[in-house]
Amino acid sequence: MGRGKIEIKLIENPTNRQVTYSKRRNGIFKKAHELSVLCDAKVSLIMFSKNNKMHEYISPGLTTKKIIDQYQKTLGDIDLWHSHYEKMLENLKKLKDINNKLRRQIRHRIGEGLDMDDMSFQQLRTLEEDMVSSIGKIRERKFHVIKTRTDTCRKKVKSLKQMNGNLLLELETRNQQQQQQLHWPTVPPPCMHSVISTILI
């Protein structure tokens, strides 16, 4: 008997759904590979899972771009890359404008490329405010660096003082031990007293 007909509907259980997706995806890719090899066909498959994870099959020796270019050339009335290219140009223009603006600000703040004779009062005032702001940020950064270095030096001095104290304490302990060894009385053990008394008698 053949298998019963499976009703095609969404699998509610997420685990079963993922297992089915993996099995059928592998089966489709296998069939696509067989079709590509047996019939010398150009095959491209792109699929996305529920979690937007992409899986792709492309015939050996091809790329997805080549397939899309051929698709576009075959249809002849669409351009899949044009809109993307236009967005890239627009984004590039915005980045260039931002870059030029930043370069002008940098030149102004270091005093290069300025023709103050042609600048209005408002422009001069804005320039002055920018320079004052820059000086304030530089001063703040300078004080931060000084404080950081000072704290580091203090920690090093404290550590060196502690090491010096430990060395002095160790040296004093050794001196005391040496003094005790030098003044230790040389009294013979009790057994030697008896031997000496016997010899004298």
N, C-alpha and C. Protein backbone atom coordinates (compact mmCIF):
# COMPACT_ATOMS: atom_id res chain seq x y z
N MET A 1 0.84 -1.20 0.00
CA MET A 1 0.00 0.00 0.00
C MET A 1 0.88 1.25 0.00
N GLY A 2 0.45 2.26 -0.72
CA GLY A 2 1.19 3.51 -0.75
C GLY A 2 0.88 4.35 0.47
N ARG A 3 1.69 5.33 0.66
CA ARG A 3 1.47 6.22 1.80
C ARG A 3 0.22 7.07 1.58
N GLY A 4 -0.42 7.42 2.67
CA GLY A 4 -1.59 8.26 2.56
C GLY A 4 -1.22 9.68 2.14
N LYS A 5 -2.17 10.34 1.54
CA LYS A 5 -1.93 11.69 1.06
C LYS A 5 -1.79 12.64 2.24
N ILE A 6 -0.71 13.44 2.20
CA ILE A 6 -0.46 14.38 3.29
C ILE A 6 -1.16 15.70 2.98
N GLU A 7 -1.92 16.18 3.93
CA GLU A 7 -2.59 17.46 3.75
C GLU A 7 -1.55 18.60 3.82
N ILE A 8 -1.58 19.44 2.81
CA ILE A 8 -0.62 20.55 2.75
C ILE A 8 -1.19 21.73 3.52
N LYS A 9 -0.65 21.95 4.70
CA LYS A 9 -1.01 23.10 5.53
C LYS A 9 0.15 23.39 6.46
N LEU A 10 0.10 24.53 7.11
CA LEU A 10 1.19 24.95 8.00
C LEU A 10 1.34 23.97 9.16
N ILE A 11 2.57 23.55 9.40
CA ILE A 11 2.87 22.68 10.53
C ILE A 11 2.95 23.55 11.78
N GLU A 12 2.08 23.29 12.73
CA GLU A 12 1.98 24.14 13.92
C GLU A 12 3.16 23.96 14.87
N ASN A 13 3.64 22.74 15.02
CA ASN A 13 4.74 22.48 15.95
C ASN A 13 6.05 23.02 15.36
N PRO A 14 6.72 23.96 16.04
CA PRO A 14 7.94 24.56 15.49
C PRO A 14 9.06 23.55 15.23
N THR A 15 9.20 22.56 16.12
CA THR A 15 10.27 21.57 15.94
C THR A 15 10.01 20.71 14.70
N ASN A 16 8.77 20.23 14.58
CA ASN A 16 8.42 19.43 13.39
C ASN A 16 8.54 20.26 12.12
N ARG A 17 8.16 21.53 12.21
CA ARG A 17 8.24 22.41 11.04
C ARG A 17 9.69 22.56 10.59
N GLN A 18 10.61 22.74 11.54
CA GLN A 18 12.03 22.91 11.20
C GLN A 18 12.61 21.62 10.60
N VAL A 19 12.23 20.49 11.17
CA VAL A 19 12.71 19.20 10.66
C VAL A 19 12.22 18.98 9.24
N THR A 20 10.95 19.27 8.99
CA THR A 20 10.40 19.11 7.64
C THR A 20 11.08 20.05 6.66
N TYR A 21 11.31 21.29 7.11
CA TYR A 21 11.97 22.26 6.24
C TYR A 21 13.37 21.77 5.84
N SER A 22 14.13 21.28 6.82
CA SER A 22 15.49 20.81 6.54
C SER A 22 15.48 19.63 5.57
N LYS A 23 14.58 18.67 5.81
CA LYS A 23 14.54 17.49 4.95
C LYS A 23 14.14 17.86 3.52
N ARG A 24 13.11 18.65 3.37
CA ARG A 24 12.62 19.01 2.04
C ARG A 24 13.59 19.96 1.33
N ARG A 25 14.24 20.80 2.10
CA ARG A 25 15.25 21.68 1.49
C ARG A 25 16.38 20.85 0.89
N ASN A 26 16.86 19.90 1.66
CA ASN A 26 17.94 19.02 1.16
C ASN A 26 17.48 18.22 -0.05
N GLY A 27 16.20 17.81 -0.04
CA GLY A 27 15.68 17.06 -1.17
C GLY A 27 15.61 17.92 -2.43
N ILE A 28 15.16 19.17 -2.29
CA ILE A 28 15.09 20.07 -3.44
C ILE A 28 16.48 20.36 -3.97
N PHE A 29 17.44 20.59 -3.08
CA PHE A 29 18.81 20.86 -3.53
C PHE A 29 19.39 19.64 -4.25
N LYS A 30 19.06 18.46 -3.77
CA LYS A 30 19.55 17.25 -4.42
C LYS A 30 18.98 17.13 -5.84
N LYS A 31 17.68 17.39 -5.98
CA LYS A 31 17.06 17.34 -7.30
C LYS A 31 17.64 18.41 -8.22
N ALA A 32 17.90 19.60 -7.67
CA ALA A 32 18.48 20.67 -8.47
C ALA A 32 19.87 20.29 -8.96
N HIS A 33 20.66 19.64 -8.11
CA HIS A 33 22.00 19.22 -8.50
C HIS A 33 21.93 18.14 -9.59
N GLU A 34 21.00 17.20 -9.42
CA GLU A 34 20.84 16.16 -10.44
C GLU A 34 20.43 16.77 -11.78
N LEU A 35 19.51 17.73 -11.75
CA LEU A 35 19.07 18.38 -12.97
C LEU A 35 20.22 19.13 -13.64
N SER A 36 21.05 19.76 -12.82
CA SER A 36 22.19 20.52 -13.36
C SER A 36 23.20 19.60 -14.01
N VAL A 37 23.48 18.45 -13.37
CA VAL A 37 24.50 17.52 -13.89
C VAL A 37 23.97 16.73 -15.08
N LEU A 38 22.77 16.17 -14.96
CA LEU A 38 22.23 15.31 -16.01
C LEU A 38 21.88 16.07 -17.29
N CYS A 39 21.37 17.28 -17.13
CA CYS A 39 20.88 18.01 -18.29
C CYS A 39 21.73 19.23 -18.64
N ASP A 40 22.83 19.41 -17.94
CA ASP A 40 23.70 20.57 -18.19
C ASP A 40 22.90 21.87 -18.11
N ALA A 41 22.03 21.93 -17.09
CA ALA A 41 21.17 23.11 -16.91
C ALA A 41 21.80 24.08 -15.92
N LYS A 42 21.47 25.35 -16.08
CA LYS A 42 21.90 26.37 -15.13
C LYS A 42 20.80 26.55 -14.10
N VAL A 43 21.09 26.15 -12.88
CA VAL A 43 20.08 26.13 -11.83
C VAL A 43 20.53 27.01 -10.66
N SER A 44 19.62 27.80 -10.18
CA SER A 44 19.90 28.63 -9.00
C SER A 44 18.67 28.60 -8.10
N LEU A 45 18.88 28.24 -6.85
CA LEU A 45 17.80 28.20 -5.86
C LEU A 45 18.20 29.05 -4.66
N ILE A 46 17.30 29.90 -4.23
CA ILE A 46 17.52 30.71 -3.04
C ILE A 46 16.28 30.60 -2.17
N MET A 47 16.45 30.26 -0.91
CA MET A 47 15.31 30.17 -0.01
C MET A 47 15.69 30.71 1.37
N PHE A 48 14.67 31.21 2.06
CA PHE A 48 14.86 31.75 3.40
C PHE A 48 13.94 31.01 4.36
N SER A 49 14.50 30.64 5.49
CA SER A 49 13.70 29.95 6.50
C SER A 49 12.85 30.95 7.27
N LYS A 50 12.05 30.43 8.20
CA LYS A 50 11.21 31.27 9.04
C LYS A 50 12.05 32.29 9.81
N ASN A 51 13.29 31.90 10.16
CA ASN A 51 14.19 32.78 10.92
C ASN A 51 15.07 33.62 10.02
N ASN A 52 14.69 33.71 8.73
CA ASN A 52 15.42 34.51 7.74
C ASN A 52 16.85 34.01 7.50
N LYS A 53 17.07 32.73 7.74
CA LYS A 53 18.36 32.14 7.42
C LYS A 53 18.35 31.70 5.96
N MET A 54 19.33 32.17 5.20
CA MET A 54 19.34 31.91 3.76
C MET A 54 20.05 30.61 3.44
N HIS A 55 19.48 29.88 2.48
CA HIS A 55 20.10 28.69 1.93
C HIS A 55 20.08 28.82 0.42
N GLU A 56 21.15 28.39 -0.22
CA GLU A 56 21.29 28.64 -1.65
C GLU A 56 21.96 27.45 -2.34
N TYR A 57 21.49 27.18 -3.56
CA TYR A 57 22.18 26.23 -4.42
C TYR A 57 22.41 26.92 -5.76
N ILE A 58 23.60 26.74 -6.30
CA ILE A 58 23.95 27.30 -7.60
C ILE A 58 24.73 26.25 -8.38
N SER A 59 24.46 26.14 -9.66
CA SER A 59 25.16 25.15 -10.48
C SER A 59 26.66 25.41 -10.44
N PRO A 60 27.47 24.36 -10.45
CA PRO A 60 28.93 24.53 -10.43
C PRO A 60 29.40 25.43 -11.57
N GLY A 61 30.35 26.31 -11.26
CA GLY A 61 30.91 27.21 -12.26
C GLY A 61 30.11 28.47 -12.48
N LEU A 62 29.01 28.65 -11.73
CA LEU A 62 28.18 29.84 -11.87
C LEU A 62 28.14 30.62 -10.57
N THR A 63 27.65 31.84 -10.66
CA THR A 63 27.40 32.66 -9.49
C THR A 63 25.97 33.17 -9.57
N THR A 64 25.45 33.58 -8.42
CA THR A 64 24.09 34.12 -8.40
C THR A 64 23.97 35.36 -9.27
N LYS A 65 25.01 36.19 -9.27
CA LYS A 65 24.97 37.40 -10.09
C LYS A 65 24.88 37.07 -11.58
N LYS A 66 25.62 36.05 -12.01
CA LYS A 66 25.57 35.66 -13.41
C LYS A 66 24.17 35.19 -13.79
N ILE A 67 23.54 34.42 -12.91
CA ILE A 67 22.19 33.94 -13.17
C ILE A 67 21.22 35.12 -13.27
N ILE A 68 21.33 36.06 -12.32
CA ILE A 68 20.42 37.21 -12.32
C ILE A 68 20.67 38.09 -13.54
N ASP A 69 21.93 38.26 -13.92
CA ASP A 69 22.23 39.04 -15.12
C ASP A 69 21.61 38.40 -16.36
N GLN A 70 21.71 37.07 -16.45
CA GLN A 70 21.12 36.38 -17.60
C GLN A 70 19.59 36.49 -17.57
N TYR A 71 19.02 36.40 -16.37
CA TYR A 71 17.57 36.56 -16.21
C TYR A 71 17.13 37.94 -16.67
N GLN A 72 17.88 38.93 -16.24
CA GLN A 72 17.57 40.31 -16.61
C GLN A 72 17.73 40.53 -18.12
N LYS A 73 18.78 39.96 -18.68
CA LYS A 73 19.02 40.10 -20.12
C LYS A 73 17.95 39.39 -20.94
N THR A 74 17.48 38.25 -20.44
CA THR A 74 16.45 37.50 -21.15
C THR A 74 15.13 38.26 -21.19
N LEU A 75 14.75 38.82 -20.05
CA LEU A 75 13.50 39.58 -20.01
C LEU A 75 13.61 40.89 -20.78
N GLY A 76 14.75 41.54 -20.62
CA GLY A 76 15.04 42.73 -21.41
C GLY A 76 14.36 44.01 -20.97
N ASP A 77 13.35 43.96 -20.14
CA ASP A 77 12.62 45.18 -19.79
C ASP A 77 12.72 45.53 -18.31
N ILE A 78 13.61 44.88 -17.60
CA ILE A 78 13.79 45.22 -16.19
C ILE A 78 15.28 45.39 -15.91
N ASP A 79 15.58 46.13 -14.87
CA ASP A 79 16.96 46.31 -14.44
C ASP A 79 17.00 46.15 -12.93
N LEU A 80 17.41 44.96 -12.49
CA LEU A 80 17.39 44.66 -11.05
C LEU A 80 18.43 45.43 -10.28
N TRP A 81 19.50 45.87 -10.96
CA TRP A 81 20.59 46.53 -10.27
C TRP A 81 20.46 48.06 -10.27
N HIS A 82 19.59 48.59 -11.11
CA HIS A 82 19.56 50.05 -11.28
C HIS A 82 19.16 50.76 -9.99
N SER A 83 18.06 50.27 -9.36
CA SER A 83 17.60 50.93 -8.14
C SER A 83 18.64 50.84 -7.04
N HIS A 84 19.29 49.69 -6.94
CA HIS A 84 20.34 49.53 -5.93
C HIS A 84 21.52 50.46 -6.22
N TYR A 85 21.85 50.57 -7.49
CA TYR A 85 22.95 51.45 -7.90
C TYR A 85 22.62 52.90 -7.59
N GLU A 86 21.37 53.30 -7.84
CA GLU A 86 20.96 54.68 -7.55
C GLU A 86 21.05 54.98 -6.05
N LYS A 87 20.66 54.02 -5.23
CA LYS A 87 20.74 54.21 -3.78
C LYS A 87 22.20 54.32 -3.33
N MET A 88 23.07 53.52 -3.95
CA MET A 88 24.49 53.59 -3.61
C MET A 88 25.07 54.95 -3.98
N LEU A 89 24.68 55.48 -5.14
CA LEU A 89 25.15 56.80 -5.55
C LEU A 89 24.65 57.89 -4.59
N GLU A 90 23.41 57.78 -4.20
CA GLU A 90 22.85 58.76 -3.27
C GLU A 90 23.56 58.70 -1.92
N ASN A 91 23.81 57.50 -1.44
CA ASN A 91 24.52 57.34 -0.17
C ASN A 91 25.95 57.86 -0.27
N LEU A 92 26.60 57.60 -1.43
CA LEU A 92 27.96 58.09 -1.64
C LEU A 92 28.01 59.61 -1.63
N LYS A 93 27.02 60.25 -2.25
CA LYS A 93 26.97 61.71 -2.28
C LYS A 93 26.82 62.28 -0.86
N LYS A 94 25.96 61.65 -0.06
CA LYS A 94 25.78 62.10 1.33
C LYS A 94 27.09 61.97 2.12
N LEU A 95 27.78 60.86 1.92
CA LEU A 95 29.04 60.65 2.64
C LEU A 95 30.09 61.67 2.21
N LYS A 96 30.13 62.00 0.92
CA LYS A 96 31.08 63.00 0.44
C LYS A 96 30.77 64.36 1.03
N ASP A 97 29.48 64.72 1.10
CA ASP A 97 29.10 66.01 1.69
C ASP A 97 29.51 66.08 3.16
N ILE A 98 29.28 64.99 3.89
CA ILE A 98 29.67 64.96 5.31
C ILE A 98 31.18 65.08 5.44
N ASN A 99 31.91 64.37 4.59
CA ASN A 99 33.38 64.41 4.62
C ASN A 99 33.90 65.82 4.32
N ASN A 100 33.33 66.48 3.32
CA ASN A 100 33.77 67.84 2.98
C ASN A 100 33.46 68.81 4.12
N LYS A 101 32.30 68.63 4.74
CA LYS A 101 31.94 69.50 5.86
C LYS A 101 32.90 69.32 7.03
N LEU A 102 33.25 68.08 7.34
CA LEU A 102 34.19 67.82 8.43
C LEU A 102 35.57 68.38 8.11
N ARG A 103 35.99 68.26 6.85
CA ARG A 103 37.29 68.80 6.45
C ARG A 103 37.32 70.32 6.61
N ARG A 104 36.23 70.99 6.23
CA ARG A 104 36.17 72.46 6.40
C ARG A 104 36.23 72.84 7.86
N GLN A 105 35.50 72.10 8.69
CA GLN A 105 35.53 72.40 10.13
C GLN A 105 36.92 72.22 10.71
N ILE A 106 37.61 71.16 10.28
CA ILE A 106 38.97 70.92 10.78
C ILE A 106 39.90 72.04 10.33
N ARG A 107 39.81 72.45 9.06
CA ARG A 107 40.67 73.53 8.57
C ARG A 107 40.40 74.83 9.30
N HIS A 108 39.12 75.10 9.56
CA HIS A 108 38.78 76.33 10.28
C HIS A 108 39.33 76.32 11.70
N ARG A 109 39.26 75.17 12.34
CA ARG A 109 39.70 75.10 13.74
C ARG A 109 41.21 75.17 13.89
N ILE A 110 41.93 74.81 12.84
CA ILE A 110 43.40 74.94 12.91
C ILE A 110 43.87 76.20 12.19
N GLY A 111 42.91 76.99 11.72
CA GLY A 111 43.27 78.29 11.14
C GLY A 111 43.72 78.25 9.70
N GLU A 112 43.42 77.18 8.98
CA GLU A 112 43.82 77.08 7.58
C GLU A 112 42.64 77.40 6.67
N GLY A 113 42.96 78.03 5.52
CA GLY A 113 41.94 78.29 4.51
C GLY A 113 40.91 79.31 4.93
N LEU A 114 41.27 80.18 5.86
CA LEU A 114 40.33 81.19 6.34
C LEU A 114 40.61 82.54 5.68
N ASP A 115 39.58 83.14 5.17
CA ASP A 115 39.66 84.50 4.65
C ASP A 115 38.68 85.32 5.47
N MET A 116 39.14 85.76 6.63
CA MET A 116 38.25 86.42 7.58
C MET A 116 37.78 87.77 7.09
N ASP A 117 38.45 88.34 6.08
CA ASP A 117 37.99 89.63 5.55
C ASP A 117 36.63 89.51 4.89
N ASP A 118 36.33 88.34 4.35
CA ASP A 118 35.05 88.13 3.67
C ASP A 118 34.00 87.48 4.55
N MET A 119 34.35 87.24 5.82
CA MET A 119 33.40 86.58 6.73
C MET A 119 32.52 87.60 7.41
N SER A 120 31.25 87.25 7.55
CA SER A 120 30.30 88.14 8.24
C SER A 120 30.51 88.08 9.75
N PHE A 121 29.83 88.99 10.44
CA PHE A 121 29.94 89.01 11.90
C PHE A 121 29.46 87.71 12.51
N GLN A 122 28.35 87.17 11.98
CA GLN A 122 27.80 85.93 12.52
C GLN A 122 28.75 84.77 12.28
N GLN A 123 29.38 84.74 11.10
CA GLN A 123 30.35 83.68 10.80
C GLN A 123 31.56 83.76 11.72
N LEU A 124 32.03 84.99 11.97
CA LEU A 124 33.16 85.16 12.88
C LEU A 124 32.78 84.74 14.30
N ARG A 125 31.58 85.08 14.70
CA ARG A 125 31.13 84.70 16.04
C ARG A 125 31.02 83.19 16.17
N THR A 126 30.46 82.55 15.14
CA THR A 126 30.36 81.09 15.15
C THR A 126 31.74 80.44 15.20
N LEU A 127 32.67 81.00 14.42
CA LEU A 127 34.04 80.48 14.42
C LEU A 127 34.67 80.62 15.80
N GLU A 128 34.44 81.78 16.43
CA GLU A 128 34.99 82.00 17.78
C GLU A 128 34.42 81.00 18.78
N GLU A 129 33.11 80.76 18.69
CA GLU A 129 32.48 79.81 19.60
C GLU A 129 33.01 78.39 19.39
N ASP A 130 33.24 78.04 18.13
CA ASP A 130 33.80 76.72 17.84
C ASP A 130 35.20 76.58 18.42
N MET A 131 36.01 77.63 18.29
CA MET A 131 37.37 77.58 18.81
C MET A 131 37.38 77.52 20.33
N VAL A 132 36.48 78.28 20.98
CA VAL A 132 36.39 78.24 22.44
C VAL A 132 35.96 76.84 22.89
N SER A 133 35.00 76.27 22.17
CA SER A 133 34.55 74.91 22.51
C SER A 133 35.67 73.90 22.34
N SER A 134 36.45 74.06 21.27
CA SER A 134 37.56 73.14 21.03
C SER A 134 38.61 73.27 22.11
N ILE A 135 38.91 74.50 22.51
CA ILE A 135 39.90 74.73 23.57
C ILE A 135 39.43 74.10 24.88
N GLY A 136 38.12 74.25 25.17
CA GLY A 136 37.59 73.65 26.38
C GLY A 136 37.72 72.14 26.38
N LYS A 137 37.44 71.51 25.23
CA LYS A 137 37.57 70.05 25.13
C LYS A 137 39.02 69.62 25.26
N ILE A 138 39.94 70.39 24.66
CA ILE A 138 41.36 70.05 24.76
C ILE A 138 41.83 70.18 26.20
N ARG A 139 41.41 71.26 26.88
CA ARG A 139 41.81 71.46 28.27
C ARG A 139 41.27 70.35 29.16
N GLU A 140 40.00 69.98 28.93
CA GLU A 140 39.41 68.90 29.71
C GLU A 140 40.15 67.59 29.51
N ARG A 141 40.52 67.31 28.27
CA ARG A 141 41.27 66.09 27.98
C ARG A 141 42.66 66.14 28.62
N LYS A 142 43.29 67.32 28.58
CA LYS A 142 44.61 67.47 29.19
C LYS A 142 44.56 67.19 30.69
N PHE A 143 43.57 67.78 31.38
CA PHE A 143 43.45 67.56 32.82
C PHE A 143 43.16 66.09 33.13
N HIS A 144 42.38 65.45 32.29
CA HIS A 144 42.10 64.02 32.49
C HIS A 144 43.38 63.19 32.37
N VAL A 145 44.20 63.51 31.37
CA VAL A 145 45.47 62.78 31.19
C VAL A 145 46.39 63.02 32.39
N ILE A 146 46.46 64.29 32.84
CA ILE A 146 47.32 64.61 33.99
C ILE A 146 46.86 63.86 35.24
N LYS A 147 45.54 63.85 35.48
CA LYS A 147 45.00 63.16 36.66
C LYS A 147 45.29 61.66 36.58
N THR A 148 45.11 61.08 35.39
CA THR A 148 45.36 59.64 35.22
C THR A 148 46.82 59.31 35.50
N ARG A 149 47.72 60.11 34.94
CA ARG A 149 49.15 59.86 35.16
C ARG A 149 49.53 60.07 36.62
N THR A 150 48.95 61.10 37.26
CA THR A 150 49.25 61.36 38.67
C THR A 150 48.80 60.19 39.54
N ASP A 151 47.58 59.71 39.30
CA ASP A 151 47.08 58.56 40.07
C ASP A 151 47.97 57.33 39.87
N THR A 152 48.41 57.14 38.64
CA THR A 152 49.29 55.99 38.36
C THR A 152 50.60 56.11 39.11
N CYS A 153 51.18 57.32 39.11
CA CYS A 153 52.45 57.54 39.83
C CYS A 153 52.27 57.34 41.33
N ARG A 154 51.16 57.80 41.87
CA ARG A 154 50.91 57.62 43.30
C ARG A 154 50.82 56.14 43.66
N LYS A 155 50.15 55.38 42.82
CA LYS A 155 50.05 53.94 43.07
C LYS A 155 51.42 53.28 43.02
N LYS A 156 52.26 53.72 42.08
CA LYS A 156 53.60 53.14 41.98
C LYS A 156 54.43 53.50 43.20
N VAL A 157 54.33 54.76 43.65
CA VAL A 157 55.08 55.18 44.84
C VAL A 157 54.63 54.39 46.07
N LYS A 158 53.31 54.20 46.22
CA LYS A 158 52.80 53.45 47.35
C LYS A 158 53.30 52.02 47.32
N SER A 159 53.30 51.42 46.13
CA SER A 159 53.77 50.04 46.00
C SER A 159 55.25 49.94 46.33
N LEU A 160 56.06 50.92 45.87
CA LEU A 160 57.49 50.90 46.16
C LEU A 160 57.76 51.09 47.65
N LYS A 161 56.97 51.96 48.30
CA LYS A 161 57.13 52.15 49.75
C LYS A 161 56.84 50.85 50.50
N GLN A 162 55.80 50.16 50.09
CA GLN A 162 55.44 48.90 50.74
C GLN A 162 56.53 47.86 50.53
N MET A 163 57.08 47.78 49.31
CA MET A 163 58.16 46.85 49.04
C MET A 163 59.39 47.19 49.88
N ASN A 164 59.69 48.50 49.99
CA ASN A 164 60.84 48.93 50.78
C ASN A 164 60.67 48.57 52.25
N GLY A 165 59.43 48.78 52.77
CA GLY A 165 59.17 48.42 54.16
C GLY A 165 59.33 46.93 54.41
N ASN A 166 58.85 46.12 53.46
CA ASN A 166 58.98 44.67 53.60
C ASN A 166 60.45 44.25 53.59
N LEU A 167 61.25 44.88 52.72
CA LEU A 167 62.67 44.55 52.66
C LEU A 167 63.40 44.95 53.94
N LEU A 168 63.06 46.13 54.49
CA LEU A 168 63.69 46.57 55.74
C LEU A 168 63.33 45.62 56.89
N LEU A 169 62.04 45.20 56.92
CA LEU A 169 61.62 44.27 57.97
C LEU A 169 62.34 42.94 57.85
N GLU A 170 62.49 42.44 56.64
CA GLU A 170 63.19 41.19 56.42
C GLU A 170 64.66 41.31 56.80
N LEU A 171 65.29 42.45 56.48
CA LEU A 171 66.69 42.67 56.82
C LEU A 171 66.88 42.75 58.33
N GLU A 172 65.96 43.41 59.00
CA GLU A 172 66.05 43.52 60.46
C GLU A 172 65.90 42.15 61.12
N THR A 173 65.00 41.33 60.59
CA THR A 173 64.80 39.99 61.14
C THR A 173 66.05 39.14 60.97
N ARG A 174 66.70 39.24 59.81
CA ARG A 174 67.93 38.48 59.58
C ARG A 174 69.05 38.94 60.52
N ASN A 175 69.16 40.24 60.74
CA ASN A 175 70.19 40.77 61.65
C ASN A 175 69.98 40.25 63.06
N GLN A 176 68.73 40.23 63.50
CA GLN A 176 68.44 39.73 64.85
C GLN A 176 68.80 38.25 64.97
N GLN A 177 68.51 37.47 63.93
CA GLN A 177 68.85 36.05 63.97
C GLN A 177 70.36 35.84 64.03
N GLN A 178 71.11 36.66 63.26
CA GLN A 178 72.57 36.55 63.29
C GLN A 178 73.13 36.93 64.65
N GLN A 179 72.59 37.98 65.28
CA GLN A 179 73.06 38.39 66.61
C GLN A 179 72.79 37.30 67.64
N GLN A 180 71.63 36.65 67.53
CA GLN A 180 71.31 35.58 68.48
C GLN A 180 72.27 34.41 68.31
N GLN A 181 72.64 34.09 67.08
CA GLN A 181 73.57 33.00 66.83
C GLN A 181 74.96 33.31 67.37
N LEU A 182 75.39 34.58 67.26
CA LEU A 182 76.71 34.97 67.75
C LEU A 182 76.80 34.90 69.27
N HIS A 183 75.75 35.25 70.02
CA HIS A 183 75.77 35.28 71.48
C HIS A 183 75.16 34.03 72.10
N TRP A 184 74.92 32.98 71.36
CA TRP A 184 74.32 31.77 71.92
C TRP A 184 75.37 31.03 72.75
N PRO A 185 75.12 30.70 74.08
CA PRO A 185 76.13 30.05 74.94
C PRO A 185 76.44 28.63 74.45
N THR A 186 77.76 28.28 74.50
CA THR A 186 78.22 26.96 74.04
C THR A 186 78.32 26.03 75.23
N VAL A 187 77.21 25.44 75.66
CA VAL A 187 77.15 24.54 76.81
C VAL A 187 77.08 23.12 76.28
N PRO A 188 77.99 22.21 76.73
CA PRO A 188 77.97 20.83 76.24
C PRO A 188 76.71 20.12 76.70
N PRO A 189 76.28 19.15 75.98
CA PRO A 189 75.06 18.41 76.36
C PRO A 189 75.30 17.63 77.62
N PRO A 190 74.20 17.18 78.34
CA PRO A 190 74.33 16.47 79.64
C PRO A 190 75.17 15.21 79.55
N CYS A 191 75.13 14.45 78.49
CA CYS A 191 75.89 13.21 78.38
C CYS A 191 77.39 13.50 78.38
N MET A 192 77.79 14.62 77.81
CA MET A 192 79.20 14.98 77.78
C MET A 192 79.69 15.30 79.18
N HIS A 193 78.81 15.92 80.05
CA HIS A 193 79.20 16.22 81.43
C HIS A 193 79.56 14.93 82.16
N SER A 194 78.77 13.87 81.97
CA SER A 194 79.04 12.62 82.68
C SER A 194 80.33 11.96 82.20
N VAL A 195 80.58 12.06 80.89
CA VAL A 195 81.79 11.47 80.33
C VAL A 195 83.01 12.19 80.87
N ILE A 196 82.95 13.53 80.91
CA ILE A 196 84.07 14.31 81.40
C ILE A 196 84.34 14.01 82.87
N SER A 197 83.25 13.88 83.69
CA SER A 197 83.42 13.57 85.12
C SER A 197 84.07 12.21 85.32
N THR A 198 83.69 11.24 84.51
CA THR A 198 84.24 9.88 84.62
C THR A 198 85.73 9.89 84.30
N ILE A 199 86.13 10.62 83.31
CA ILE A 199 87.53 10.68 82.92
C ILE A 199 88.35 11.33 84.02
N LEU A 200 87.82 12.40 84.62
CA LEU A 200 88.55 13.07 85.68
C LEU A 200 88.74 12.18 86.89
N ILE A 201 87.70 11.38 87.24
CA ILE A 201 87.80 10.48 88.38
C ILE A 201 88.79 9.39 88.09
